Each structure stands twice: as structure tokens, then as C-alpha cells.
């Protein structure tokens, strides 16, 4: 990749910024001393305290492309990040609508998701994401098996449990979140295999709560641990637990909203056979949590994708051949500064970046760690104009319009 003229302090390259600057934007950016390298702040527009937007050209391997970046300073106590989502795991909405409904000043799309079910005729695509998700400190869901993932192949050594998140310490970091849970009855206990997931491991029992939404739970029993397109299981069972007691059961997973005091247990194969032993009125205790592998700091928010840069070094085995429209998030300054990055989907730039180029670009922007999110038609970056009360879409989404997505990263900044 080649970049246009100019340099950051310490020799870091700067891109040609196409943002139209106002005197207010430049002066406000200058007031954010330390929020980003001085040249970057002077070239961008401060859309809210601690949040700077810029755009620039990149000459990539596949041809010219155009990028949009939000620089977010978590050292500013007025600034925070949280999950954008439509109120249910199995639901979707445009990023702009998610941002405006939450009061965010900016945001990008998030995790890969169950977008289609062409391999399973008659089965409804759920719209639910691949990996774990936490919003406002509350766990929404866990990760599907690796073979059930939607999206490009994962880099070696990464999993569907990989997340980017921000802890209660207000620092961004990369981590893994694994499900730890159980279903207990007077007769015994079984490990919990899933939480609000569109795909459950073979021979397991998964829990669905009010956070799931009303979409059918049949998809959770389709595919296998190694192949998303494998047939749906012929051995399934569903048990509804309300206030700790079994109230109903069915041979087939159902649909419809789940009450706040209710958990629906879905089993496949050995898990289904275990659930069939339960009787109406029997006591059942369902426990679940997400356990971090790298941090003991509780997460305020987290969402999944996959890492591309760790400790300033690209992960080995990144694809350097396939160009695409991309979304990513970068971490700098010990997690106190973040960069939200989106490639433009305009036809003139649609050749995009390879995932190896994404890692290089995030490092050039100052990231020490970086994380790839869903791309292609999902890539969307929104931000308010200075003084505005609603966001506008800053990139050109591939396909000409915003794609509804299940989650994203929201940037919030108090006046």
C-alpha cells in the first residue's frame, strides 16, 4: 500500500484527508491534546468531545480504495463505547437506526451473522451473530461452534470465542469469552452447550432467554460442529422452564417471545434424550456466564469477530489475496484510544483491502492490536455532523443501501 504525502510525529505516515474542515472542527481537535497524533487531529473533524472523524485514500494491492476512521479517546470521561443492538439477539436493523435509537454520536457494524439458510430449506435464518455479545455489562449470548460460523475462514489459532471489548476499567482489549454453565435437576446436572445461539454443539442442551427474541429456535439444531451445511438433527426436544419449574415440553423447537421469568431449553441428540427425562413441575436450575481467558476485569461491552494484529504484529496466515470491503477496530495506548475503521463500498473502491492489508493499515494508523468485524455489504460507518442530533452514513455501503445488521459498536459522548 502507498499513502499520500505528509507524516505523523515519529515518522508515522499520514493519509490525504478529504473531510471538509471548519474552523470549529480544527480548533476543537486541537483542544484534544494527546487524543491522537497532532497531524491526524488537525486533519479530522471533531464530531463530539473525544471523537474525531477523518477519511482518506489508500493505494492497495487490488487498486485504490477509500477509508473512514473514527478516533475515540477513552481518556476523556465523557466518552464511552457500548454494543448497538436492536433489543433482541435474533433481530437486525441498520447501523444508523441503531445509533440514533441509542443516542450514539457514531458507530460501525459488528459481528458476522446467520444471514441465510439456503442449505436448510424451510428453516428460518435467525440474523443472530456468530460470537459472544455483552451489552451494558449484561451477557446476551455465547459463541457457536467453529464449523457453524458465517464469514471468511478464521486465521490460524483464532476461534469464534474471540472478542473485542471494553472493561469497566474503560480500556479496550482483545480477549476470548467461553460459556460456563449448567442445567441442574434433582437427578443430576449437564453442562450447558449454548446460550441464545443460532447453532448448538452436537449432543448438547442450549438455553434461550428473553434476550433471544421471537425467531424460531429450529436453526439451533441444524448443521454439525464441523459443517454448517450438514442436515438438521432428527432427534430434538424442547423444555420450557418458568420460575425454576418445567411447565411444558415439545419434540420440536418452537418460536415466539420468551418471558423474562422463563428459559427455554433446546436439546439435540444426547441433549434431547437427557431433556426427555424431565417431568412437568420438576425443579430445574439453569446457570450461565461468560468466562474471559485474558482479563479479570468485567466487560462493559464485547462483541465478536477475529484478531488480525497482536502486540503490533500481524497474525500469521492472514489472507493477502482476497480484497473486500472491510470493517475493523484498533486498540492503542493500552486500550485508552480506539480506532473504528471502515472501507468505502462505492463501486470505484469496491476492490477493497485484503485482510493482511487491514492488519498493516491498522498498525500504520497507530494500533497495537486490531480486530476484524463483518465486511462486504454490512460495512457501515455512521457519525453525526458537529452540532447534529442524528447520525449520517459516512461511507457508501456496498449495494447502495445500509444492510440491517444484528449489532455494532456505538460511540457515546456526553456534552
Protein backbone atom coordinates (compact mmCIF):
# COMPACT_ATOMS: atom_id res chain seq x y z
CA UNK A 1 0.00 0.00 0.00
CA UNK A 2 1.14 3.53 -0.68
CA UNK A 3 -0.06 6.63 1.10
CA UNK A 4 -0.18 10.28 0.17
CA UNK A 5 2.19 12.99 1.39
CA UNK A 6 2.74 14.12 4.98
CA UNK A 7 3.95 12.50 8.20
CA UNK A 8 2.79 11.98 11.74
CA UNK A 9 5.20 12.70 14.55
CA UNK A 10 7.86 9.99 14.91
CA UNK A 11 7.70 9.30 11.19
CA UNK A 12 4.24 7.71 11.00
CA UNK A 13 2.64 8.18 7.56
CA UNK A 14 -0.47 10.31 7.22
CA UNK A 15 -3.15 9.95 4.54
CA UNK A 16 -4.76 12.57 2.38
CA UNK A 17 -7.83 13.65 4.31
CA UNK A 18 -10.90 14.57 2.28
CA UNK A 19 -13.01 15.88 5.14
CA UNK A 20 -14.12 19.49 4.65
CA UNK A 21 -12.81 21.26 7.73
CA UNK A 22 -14.44 24.05 9.63
CA UNK A 23 -12.70 26.42 11.99
CA UNK A 24 -14.71 24.91 14.83
CA UNK A 25 -13.58 21.39 13.93
CA UNK A 26 -9.91 22.33 13.75
CA UNK A 27 -9.94 24.28 17.00
CA UNK A 28 -11.87 21.58 18.83
CA UNK A 29 -9.48 18.95 17.53
CA UNK A 30 -6.51 20.98 18.71
CA UNK A 31 -8.04 21.04 22.18
CA UNK A 32 -7.84 17.26 22.35
CA UNK A 33 -4.12 17.26 23.09
CA UNK A 34 -2.91 13.69 23.25
CA UNK A 35 -6.14 12.17 21.90
CA UNK A 36 -4.38 11.31 18.61
CA UNK A 37 -1.22 12.43 16.80
CA UNK A 38 -1.39 16.17 16.18
CA UNK A 39 -1.46 15.91 12.39
CA UNK A 40 -4.39 13.48 12.48
CA UNK A 41 -6.45 15.69 14.78
CA UNK A 42 -5.75 18.78 12.69
CA UNK A 43 -6.84 16.88 9.58
CA UNK A 44 -10.04 15.46 11.04
CA UNK A 45 -13.31 16.81 12.34
CA UNK A 46 -14.25 16.57 15.99
CA UNK A 47 -17.86 15.36 15.90
CA UNK A 48 -18.21 15.30 19.70
CA UNK A 49 -15.87 15.60 22.70
CA UNK A 50 -13.23 12.91 22.38
CA UNK A 51 -14.39 11.65 18.97
CA UNK A 52 -12.67 12.66 15.70
CA UNK A 53 -13.71 11.59 12.20
CA UNK A 54 -11.44 11.51 9.14
CA UNK A 55 -11.33 9.91 5.69
CA UNK A 56 -8.50 9.22 3.27
CA UNK A 57 -7.38 7.32 0.16
CA UNK A 58 -5.30 4.13 0.20
CA UNK A 59 -3.48 2.67 -2.78
CA UNK A 60 -3.98 -1.03 -2.09
CA UNK A 61 -2.79 -4.17 -3.87
CA UNK A 62 -6.12 -4.52 -5.70
CA UNK A 63 -6.33 -0.84 -6.61
CA UNK A 64 -7.31 2.45 -4.96
CA UNK A 65 -9.71 2.35 -2.05
CA UNK A 66 -11.11 4.86 0.40
CA UNK A 67 -11.27 4.58 4.18
CA UNK A 68 -13.22 6.20 7.00
CA UNK A 69 -11.91 6.33 10.58
CA UNK A 70 -13.28 7.33 13.96
CA UNK A 71 -10.64 8.11 16.60
CA UNK A 72 -12.10 7.59 20.05
CA UNK A 73 -10.36 8.85 23.21
CA UNK A 74 -11.48 6.86 26.26
CA UNK A 75 -9.25 9.02 28.45
CA UNK A 76 -11.98 11.62 28.15
CA UNK A 77 -14.51 10.74 30.90
CA UNK A 78 -17.35 11.92 28.67
CA UNK A 79 -16.67 9.18 26.11
CA UNK A 80 -17.71 5.54 26.23
CA UNK A 81 -18.40 2.59 23.93
CA UNK A 82 -21.23 0.09 24.10
CA UNK A 83 -22.98 -2.51 21.99
CA UNK A 84 -25.51 -1.32 19.44
CA UNK A 85 -28.27 -3.91 19.04
CA UNK A 86 -31.99 -3.92 18.19
CA UNK A 87 -33.17 -5.27 21.56
CA UNK A 88 -33.02 -8.96 20.66
CA UNK A 89 -30.21 -11.30 19.63
CA UNK A 90 -32.24 -12.66 16.70
CA UNK A 91 -33.08 -9.31 15.09
CA UNK A 92 -31.48 -6.79 12.73
CA UNK A 93 -31.60 -3.07 11.94
CA UNK A 94 -29.46 -0.54 10.01
CA UNK A 95 -26.48 0.86 11.91
CA UNK A 96 -27.83 4.41 11.58
CA UNK A 97 -31.14 3.39 13.20
CA UNK A 98 -29.35 1.51 15.98
CA UNK A 99 -27.11 4.51 16.68
CA UNK A 100 -29.92 7.05 16.72
CA UNK A 101 -32.20 4.94 18.91
CA UNK A 102 -29.38 4.52 21.45
CA UNK A 103 -28.24 8.16 21.30
CA UNK A 104 -24.80 7.31 19.93
CA UNK A 105 -22.76 10.01 18.19
CA UNK A 106 -21.08 7.46 15.90
CA UNK A 107 -20.69 3.77 15.26
CA UNK A 108 -19.81 0.89 12.98
CA UNK A 109 -21.33 -2.51 12.23
CA UNK A 110 -20.26 -5.53 14.27
CA UNK A 111 -20.05 -9.31 14.19
CA UNK A 112 -20.68 -11.76 11.34
CA UNK A 113 -24.13 -13.34 11.48
CA UNK A 114 -26.57 -16.03 10.33
CA UNK A 115 -27.66 -14.18 7.21
CA UNK A 116 -29.10 -17.03 5.10
CA UNK A 117 -30.19 -20.67 5.28
CA UNK A 118 -30.06 -21.88 1.68
CA UNK A 119 -28.71 -25.28 2.80
CA UNK A 120 -31.71 -25.94 5.07
CA UNK A 121 -34.97 -25.43 3.10
CA UNK A 122 -37.82 -24.26 5.29
CA UNK A 123 -35.51 -23.20 8.14
CA UNK A 124 -35.60 -19.51 9.05
CA UNK A 125 -32.34 -17.56 9.17
CA UNK A 126 -32.14 -16.04 12.61
CA UNK A 127 -29.99 -12.96 11.99
CA UNK A 128 -28.11 -13.80 15.20
CA UNK A 129 -24.38 -13.21 15.44
CA UNK A 130 -21.61 -15.79 15.46
CA UNK A 131 -19.80 -14.95 18.67
CA UNK A 132 -20.32 -13.75 22.23
CA UNK A 133 -22.00 -10.43 22.96
CA UNK A 134 -22.23 -8.25 26.08
CA UNK A 135 -24.23 -5.01 26.29
CA UNK A 136 -24.22 -2.61 29.26
CA UNK A 137 -22.49 -5.29 31.32
CA UNK A 138 -25.17 -7.92 30.62
CA UNK A 139 -24.40 -11.16 28.77
CA UNK A 140 -26.59 -11.58 25.67
CA UNK A 141 -25.18 -14.70 24.04
CA UNK A 142 -22.28 -17.12 23.59
CA UNK A 143 -20.37 -18.41 20.55
CA UNK A 144 -21.46 -21.01 18.01
CA UNK A 145 -19.17 -23.97 17.13
CA UNK A 146 -16.40 -23.04 14.69
CA UNK A 147 -17.87 -25.16 11.89
CA UNK A 148 -21.15 -23.24 12.11
CA UNK A 149 -19.55 -19.86 11.55
CA UNK A 150 -20.61 -17.43 8.79
CA UNK A 151 -17.83 -15.32 7.26
CA UNK A 152 -14.35 -15.86 5.82
CA UNK A 153 -12.03 -18.54 7.15
CA UNK A 154 -10.59 -17.71 10.56
CA UNK A 155 -6.82 -17.09 10.81
CA UNK A 156 -4.89 -19.96 12.39
CA UNK A 157 -5.18 -20.04 16.17
CA UNK A 158 -8.34 -17.94 16.40
CA UNK A 159 -11.84 -19.09 17.40
CA UNK A 160 -15.47 -17.99 17.42
CA UNK A 161 -14.94 -17.02 21.08
CA UNK A 162 -12.53 -14.18 20.22
CA UNK A 163 -13.88 -10.76 21.16
CA UNK A 164 -13.08 -7.08 21.27
CA UNK A 165 -14.44 -5.40 24.37
CA UNK A 166 -14.17 -2.54 26.82
CA UNK A 167 -13.99 -3.32 30.52
CA UNK A 168 -15.37 -1.44 33.48
CA UNK A 169 -11.86 0.00 33.69
CA UNK A 170 -12.64 1.89 30.43
CA UNK A 171 -9.86 0.14 28.50
CA UNK A 172 -10.32 -1.68 25.22
CA UNK A 173 -8.75 -5.13 24.79
CA UNK A 174 -8.85 -8.37 22.84
CA UNK A 175 -9.94 -11.49 24.71
CA UNK A 176 -11.84 -14.76 24.50
CA UNK A 177 -15.17 -15.39 26.20
CA UNK A 178 -16.16 -19.00 26.81
CA UNK A 179 -19.55 -20.17 28.06
CA UNK A 180 -19.57 -21.69 31.52
CA UNK A 181 -22.97 -23.04 32.53
CA UNK A 182 -25.05 -25.98 33.61
CA UNK A 183 -28.58 -27.36 33.79
CA UNK A 184 -29.27 -28.93 37.19
CA UNK A 185 -32.17 -31.12 38.30
CA UNK A 186 -32.67 -33.27 41.42
CA UNK A 187 -31.45 -36.24 39.35
CA UNK A 188 -28.23 -34.68 38.11
CA UNK A 189 -26.57 -31.95 36.05
CA UNK A 190 -25.48 -31.39 32.46
CA UNK A 191 -23.05 -28.79 31.10
CA UNK A 192 -24.80 -26.04 29.17
CA UNK A 193 -23.81 -26.15 25.50
CA UNK A 194 -25.12 -22.80 24.31
CA UNK A 195 -26.79 -19.51 25.19
CA UNK A 196 -29.03 -17.68 22.70
CA UNK A 197 -27.12 -19.18 19.75
CA UNK A 198 -28.30 -19.93 16.23
CA UNK A 199 -26.29 -23.19 16.36
CA UNK A 200 -25.74 -25.59 19.25
CA UNK A 201 -22.94 -28.15 19.54
CA UNK A 202 -23.93 -31.69 18.70
CA UNK A 203 -25.36 -33.74 21.62
CA UNK A 204 -25.85 -30.63 23.76
CA UNK A 205 -28.53 -28.58 25.52
CA UNK A 206 -28.73 -24.83 24.94
CA UNK A 207 -30.61 -22.12 26.82
CA UNK A 208 -32.75 -19.43 25.21
CA UNK A 209 -33.88 -16.41 27.25
CA UNK A 210 -35.93 -13.29 26.68
CA UNK A 211 -32.85 -11.72 25.02
CA UNK A 212 -33.18 -14.15 22.10
CA UNK A 213 -36.36 -12.61 20.68
CA UNK A 214 -39.22 -14.35 18.90
CA UNK A 215 -37.48 -16.04 15.93
CA UNK A 216 -37.79 -19.83 15.59
CA UNK A 217 -35.25 -21.89 17.51
CA UNK A 218 -35.17 -24.71 14.92
CA UNK A 219 -31.93 -23.41 13.36
CA UNK A 220 -30.10 -24.19 16.60
CA UNK A 221 -30.43 -27.93 15.85
CA UNK A 222 -29.16 -27.76 12.25
CA UNK A 223 -25.66 -28.36 10.93
CA UNK A 224 -22.82 -30.03 12.81
CA UNK A 225 -19.77 -28.96 14.79
CA UNK A 226 -17.64 -29.21 11.65
CA UNK A 227 -20.04 -28.18 8.86
CA UNK A 228 -22.74 -25.54 8.81
CA UNK A 229 -24.49 -27.13 5.81
CA UNK A 230 -24.96 -30.58 7.39
CA UNK A 231 -28.61 -31.65 7.84
CA UNK A 232 -30.77 -30.61 10.76
CA UNK A 233 -30.90 -33.09 13.62
CA UNK A 234 -33.76 -35.62 13.59
CA UNK A 235 -33.56 -36.01 17.37
CA UNK A 236 -34.59 -32.81 19.16
CA UNK A 237 -36.52 -31.84 22.28
CA UNK A 238 -37.53 -28.57 23.92
CA UNK A 239 -38.43 -27.89 27.54
CA UNK A 240 -39.83 -24.62 28.90
CA UNK A 241 -38.79 -23.71 32.44
CA UNK A 242 -40.66 -20.93 34.21
CA UNK A 243 -39.58 -19.71 37.64
CA UNK A 244 -37.40 -22.77 38.05
CA UNK A 245 -40.05 -25.40 37.17
CA UNK A 246 -40.78 -27.35 33.99
CA UNK A 247 -44.08 -26.13 32.52
CA UNK A 248 -44.14 -27.67 29.03
CA UNK A 249 -42.21 -29.75 26.52
CA UNK A 250 -42.17 -30.41 22.77
CA UNK A 251 -40.40 -32.67 20.30
CA UNK A 252 -39.65 -29.69 18.06
CA UNK A 253 -38.08 -26.32 18.93
CA UNK A 254 -40.65 -23.54 18.87
CA UNK A 255 -40.80 -19.80 18.28
CA UNK A 256 -42.32 -16.68 19.81
CA UNK A 257 -41.22 -14.32 22.58
CA UNK A 258 -39.82 -15.71 25.82
CA UNK A 259 -40.95 -14.13 29.09
CA UNK A 260 -38.43 -12.59 31.45
CA UNK A 261 -39.01 -15.31 34.08
CA UNK A 262 -38.66 -18.13 31.54
CA UNK A 263 -35.83 -20.16 30.00
CA UNK A 264 -36.38 -22.46 27.03
CA UNK A 265 -34.01 -25.43 26.87
CA UNK A 266 -33.35 -26.93 23.43
CA UNK A 267 -31.58 -30.27 23.12
CA UNK A 268 -30.23 -32.22 20.17
CA UNK A 269 -29.18 -35.89 20.05
CA UNK A 270 -27.87 -36.85 23.53
CA UNK A 271 -29.03 -33.48 24.85
CA UNK A 272 -32.57 -34.18 23.64
CA UNK A 273 -32.56 -37.59 25.31
CA UNK A 274 -31.45 -36.02 28.58
CA UNK A 275 -34.25 -33.42 28.45
CA UNK A 276 -36.88 -36.13 27.85
CA UNK A 277 -36.24 -37.38 31.38
CA UNK A 278 -37.70 -34.17 32.83
CA UNK A 279 -41.32 -34.05 34.00
CA UNK A 280 -43.81 -31.23 34.39
CA UNK A 281 -43.31 -29.45 37.70
CA UNK A 282 -39.76 -30.72 38.14
CA UNK A 283 -37.25 -28.25 39.52
CA UNK A 284 -34.58 -27.05 37.06
CA UNK A 285 -31.78 -24.56 37.74
CA UNK A 286 -30.04 -23.04 34.71
CA UNK A 287 -26.77 -21.22 35.33
CA UNK A 288 -24.65 -19.42 32.75
CA UNK A 289 -21.84 -16.88 32.48
CA UNK A 290 -19.07 -15.92 30.05
CA UNK A 291 -15.53 -16.51 31.30
CA UNK A 292 -12.67 -14.36 29.96
CA UNK A 293 -9.38 -16.05 29.17
CA UNK A 294 -7.13 -12.98 29.39
CA UNK A 295 -8.69 -10.44 31.74
CA UNK A 296 -10.22 -10.47 35.20
CA UNK A 297 -11.80 -7.09 34.53
CA UNK A 298 -15.58 -7.39 33.92
CA UNK A 299 -16.66 -6.25 30.48
CA UNK A 300 -18.96 -3.31 29.94
CA UNK A 301 -19.43 -4.42 26.37
CA UNK A 302 -17.99 -7.02 23.99
CA UNK A 303 -18.64 -8.38 20.52
CA UNK A 304 -17.02 -10.94 18.27
CA UNK A 305 -15.04 -11.05 15.03
CA UNK A 306 -11.41 -12.13 14.84
CA UNK A 307 -8.00 -10.64 15.67
CA UNK A 308 -5.64 -9.59 12.88
CA UNK A 309 -2.96 -7.69 14.86
CA UNK A 310 -1.49 -8.52 18.28
CA UNK A 311 1.30 -6.64 20.01
CA UNK A 312 1.97 -4.66 16.85
CA UNK A 313 2.46 -7.79 14.70
CA UNK A 314 0.02 -9.18 12.11
CA UNK A 315 -1.23 -12.66 12.91
CA UNK A 316 0.46 -15.37 10.83
CA UNK A 317 -1.54 -16.83 7.97
CA UNK A 318 -3.64 -13.75 7.13
CA UNK A 319 -5.11 -13.80 3.61
CA UNK A 320 -3.17 -11.48 1.33
CA UNK A 321 -5.04 -12.30 -1.88
CA UNK A 322 -8.77 -11.62 -1.40
CA UNK A 323 -9.77 -7.97 -1.50
CA UNK A 324 -13.06 -6.88 0.07
CA UNK A 325 -14.85 -4.03 1.79
CA UNK A 326 -13.83 -4.29 5.46
CA UNK A 327 -14.66 -3.07 8.96
CA UNK A 328 -12.16 -3.21 11.83
CA UNK A 329 -11.37 -1.79 15.24
CA UNK A 330 -7.91 -0.90 16.52
CA UNK A 331 -6.52 -0.50 20.03
CA UNK A 332 -3.78 1.93 21.02
CA UNK A 333 -2.27 3.47 24.16
CA UNK A 334 -3.03 0.49 26.40
CA UNK A 335 -6.67 0.42 25.36
CA UNK A 336 -7.29 4.10 26.10
CA UNK A 337 -7.55 5.11 22.44
CA UNK A 338 -9.55 3.21 19.82
CA UNK A 339 -9.88 3.44 16.05
CA UNK A 340 -13.02 2.35 14.20
CA UNK A 341 -12.19 1.72 10.55
CA UNK A 342 -14.44 1.15 7.52
CA UNK A 343 -13.60 0.78 3.83
CA UNK A 344 -15.88 2.56 1.36
CA UNK A 345 -18.20 0.36 -0.71
CA UNK A 346 -18.57 2.74 -3.65
CA UNK A 347 -18.04 0.84 -6.95
CA UNK A 348 -14.87 2.84 -7.58
CA UNK A 349 -13.30 1.41 -4.41
CA UNK A 350 -15.01 -1.95 -4.07
CA UNK A 351 -11.83 -3.97 -4.65
CA UNK A 352 -11.11 -3.02 -1.04
CA UNK A 353 -8.35 -4.46 1.12
CA UNK A 354 -7.08 -7.94 1.81
CA UNK A 355 -7.24 -8.93 5.47
CA UNK A 356 -3.43 -8.77 5.57
CA UNK A 357 -3.67 -5.17 4.34
CA UNK A 358 -6.21 -4.41 7.07
CA UNK A 359 -3.68 -5.51 9.68
CA UNK A 360 -0.97 -3.37 8.06
CA UNK A 361 -3.26 -0.35 7.77
CA UNK A 362 -4.43 -0.57 11.38
CA UNK A 363 -0.80 -0.73 12.50
CA UNK A 364 0.06 2.28 10.33
CA UNK A 365 -2.80 4.18 11.97
CA UNK A 366 -1.19 3.55 15.35
CA UNK A 367 -2.98 0.41 16.55
CA UNK A 368 -1.09 -2.15 18.62
CA UNK A 369 -3.94 -4.69 18.45
CA UNK A 370 -6.67 -4.88 15.82
CA UNK A 371 -9.82 -6.88 15.23
CA UNK A 372 -11.74 -7.58 12.04
CA UNK A 373 -15.53 -7.25 12.01
CA UNK A 374 -18.11 -8.17 9.37
CA UNK A 375 -17.48 -6.61 5.96
CA UNK A 376 -18.90 -6.54 2.46
CA UNK A 377 -22.49 -5.29 2.38
CA UNK A 378 -22.50 -4.98 6.18
CA UNK A 379 -19.68 -2.41 6.37
CA UNK A 380 -21.18 0.84 7.61
CA UNK A 381 -19.69 3.80 9.49
CA UNK A 382 -22.01 6.47 10.82
CA UNK A 383 -21.25 9.74 12.60
CA UNK A 384 -23.02 12.95 13.49
CA UNK A 385 -22.10 16.21 11.88
CA UNK A 386 -20.88 18.67 14.52
CA UNK A 387 -23.96 20.00 16.30
CA UNK A 388 -26.36 17.48 14.73
CA UNK A 389 -28.67 15.25 16.76
CA UNK A 390 -28.74 12.28 14.37
CA UNK A 391 -26.02 10.37 12.54
CA UNK A 392 -25.34 10.22 8.82
CA UNK A 393 -23.80 7.32 6.90
CA UNK A 394 -20.25 8.39 6.04
CA UNK A 395 -19.18 5.54 3.76
CA UNK A 396 -21.04 4.24 0.70
CA UNK A 397 -22.43 0.85 1.74
CA UNK A 398 -21.81 -1.86 -0.82
CA UNK A 399 -25.05 -2.42 -2.72
CA UNK A 400 -26.16 1.20 -2.38
CA UNK A 401 -28.07 0.99 0.91
CA UNK A 402 -27.47 0.04 4.53
CA UNK A 403 -27.79 -3.66 5.30
CA UNK A 404 -29.69 -4.43 8.52
CA UNK A 405 -27.23 -5.96 11.00
CA UNK A 406 -27.62 -7.59 14.42
CA UNK A 407 -25.09 -5.49 16.32
CA UNK A 408 -22.35 -2.89 16.17
CA UNK A 409 -20.08 -0.66 18.18
CA UNK A 410 -21.67 2.55 19.42
CA UNK A 411 -19.65 5.63 20.40
CA UNK A 412 -21.25 7.82 23.03
CA UNK A 413 -20.05 11.27 24.13
CA UNK A 414 -21.69 13.48 26.73
CA UNK A 415 -21.73 17.24 26.09
